[in-house]
């Protein structure tokens, strides 16, 4: 059965299938990409390490996702 859904007008982020299904991206990398993509324009200018720190991604996990 085909169902139609109306997307919410705000507070959601669309994700490309290329990002979601990418075989080399770990889950932390995908979360960080979607987090930064969903930020307002003024807040997206911080370094990735700052955004990762806000999400609780630190140390070796951050180094792995940058690869």
C-alpha atoms as a PDB file:
ATOM      1  CA  UNK A   1       0.000   0.000   0.000  1.00  0.00           C
ATOM      2  CA  UNK A   2       1.310   3.436  -0.917  1.00  0.00           C
ATOM      3  CA  UNK A   3       1.048   6.092   1.774  1.00  0.00           C
ATOM      4  CA  UNK A   4       1.605   9.782   1.337  1.00  0.00           C
ATOM      5  CA  UNK A   5       3.286  11.737   4.082  1.00  0.00           C
ATOM      6  CA  UNK A   6       3.666  15.465   4.444  1.00  0.00           C
ATOM      7  CA  UNK A   7       7.093  16.454   5.726  1.00  0.00           C
ATOM      8  CA  UNK A   8       7.186  18.673   8.814  1.00  0.00           C
ATOM      9  CA  UNK A   9       7.595  22.364   8.052  1.00  0.00           C
ATOM     10  CA  UNK A  10      10.571  22.817  10.405  1.00  0.00           C
ATOM     11  CA  UNK A  11      12.960  21.093  12.827  1.00  0.00           C
ATOM     12  CA  UNK A  12      13.950  18.210  10.564  1.00  0.00           C
ATOM     13  CA  UNK A  13      16.856  17.482   8.250  1.00  0.00           C
ATOM     14  CA  UNK A  14      16.731  15.577   4.993  1.00  0.00           C
ATOM     15  CA  UNK A  15      19.541  13.104   4.462  1.00  0.00           C
ATOM     16  CA  UNK A  16      20.827  11.947   1.112  1.00  0.00           C
ATOM     17  CA  UNK A  17      20.828   8.201   0.516  1.00  0.00           C
ATOM     18  CA  UNK A  18      24.453   8.597  -0.566  1.00  0.00           C
ATOM     19  CA  UNK A  19      25.378   9.671   2.970  1.00  0.00           C
ATOM     20  CA  UNK A  20      23.145   7.222   4.824  1.00  0.00           C
ATOM     21  CA  UNK A  21      24.238   4.188   2.802  1.00  0.00           C
ATOM     22  CA  UNK A  22      27.902   5.092   2.315  1.00  0.00           C
ATOM     23  CA  UNK A  23      29.910   1.958   3.234  1.00  0.00           C
ATOM     24  CA  UNK A  24      32.997   3.798   4.517  1.00  0.00           C
ATOM     25  CA  UNK A  25      31.233   6.246   6.844  1.00  0.00           C
ATOM     26  CA  UNK A  26      30.872   5.145  10.451  1.00  0.00           C
ATOM     27  CA  UNK A  27      27.740   6.004  12.399  1.00  0.00           C
ATOM     28  CA  UNK A  28      29.515   8.828  14.275  1.00  0.00           C
ATOM     29  CA  UNK A  29      30.502  10.443  10.965  1.00  0.00           C
ATOM     30  CA  UNK A  30      26.931  10.231   9.685  1.00  0.00           C
ATOM     31  CA  UNK A  31      25.579  11.765  12.884  1.00  0.00           C
ATOM     32  CA  UNK A  32      28.092  14.621  12.678  1.00  0.00           C
ATOM     33  CA  UNK A  33      27.265  15.298   9.013  1.00  0.00           C
ATOM     34  CA  UNK A  34      23.541  15.414   9.724  1.00  0.00           C
ATOM     35  CA  UNK A  35      24.054  17.538  12.835  1.00  0.00           C
ATOM     36  CA  UNK A  36      26.096  20.164  10.982  1.00  0.00           C
ATOM     37  CA  UNK A  37      23.746  20.075   7.987  1.00  0.00           C
ATOM     38  CA  UNK A  38      20.774  20.847  10.244  1.00  0.00           C
ATOM     39  CA  UNK A  39      22.329  23.832  12.013  1.00  0.00           C
ATOM     40  CA  UNK A  40      21.280  27.409  11.256  1.00  0.00           C
ATOM     41  CA  UNK A  41      23.735  29.217   8.986  1.00  0.00           C
ATOM     42  CA  UNK A  42      25.268  31.290  11.773  1.00  0.00           C
ATOM     43  CA  UNK A  43      26.196  28.282  13.904  1.00  0.00           C
ATOM     44  CA  UNK A  44      27.646  26.053  11.179  1.00  0.00           C
ATOM     45  CA  UNK A  45      30.906  28.028  10.976  1.00  0.00           C
ATOM     46  CA  UNK A  46      32.569  26.341  13.972  1.00  0.00           C
ATOM     47  CA  UNK A  47      35.275  23.722  13.571  1.00  0.00           C
ATOM     48  CA  UNK A  48      34.141  20.112  13.236  1.00  0.00           C
ATOM     49  CA  UNK A  49      35.920  19.290  16.486  1.00  0.00           C
ATOM     50  CA  UNK A  50      33.690  21.772  18.341  1.00  0.00           C
ATOM     51  CA  UNK A  51      30.537  20.220  16.899  1.00  0.00           C
ATOM     52  CA  UNK A  52      31.826  16.725  17.677  1.00  0.00           C
ATOM     53  CA  UNK A  53      32.563  17.762  21.267  1.00  0.00           C
ATOM     54  CA  UNK A  54      28.957  18.980  21.646  1.00  0.00           C
ATOM     55  CA  UNK A  55      27.772  15.559  20.464  1.00  0.00           C
ATOM     56  CA  UNK A  56      30.098  13.716  22.848  1.00  0.00           C
ATOM     57  CA  UNK A  57      32.431  12.423  20.122  1.00  0.00           C
ATOM     58  CA  UNK A  58      35.982  12.728  21.424  1.00  0.00           C
ATOM     59  CA  UNK A  59      39.491  11.368  21.073  1.00  0.00           C
ATOM     60  CA  UNK A  60      40.045   8.333  18.882  1.00  0.00           C
ATOM     61  CA  UNK A  61      36.394   8.253  17.766  1.00  0.00           C
ATOM     62  CA  UNK A  62      36.810  11.765  16.325  1.00  0.00           C
ATOM     63  CA  UNK A  63      40.092  10.798  14.630  1.00  0.00           C
ATOM     64  CA  UNK A  64      38.395   7.738  13.066  1.00  0.00           C
ATOM     65  CA  UNK A  65      35.476   9.704  11.679  1.00  0.00           C
ATOM     66  CA  UNK A  66      37.801  12.255  10.081  1.00  0.00           C
ATOM     67  CA  UNK A  67      39.428   9.449   8.096  1.00  0.00           C
END
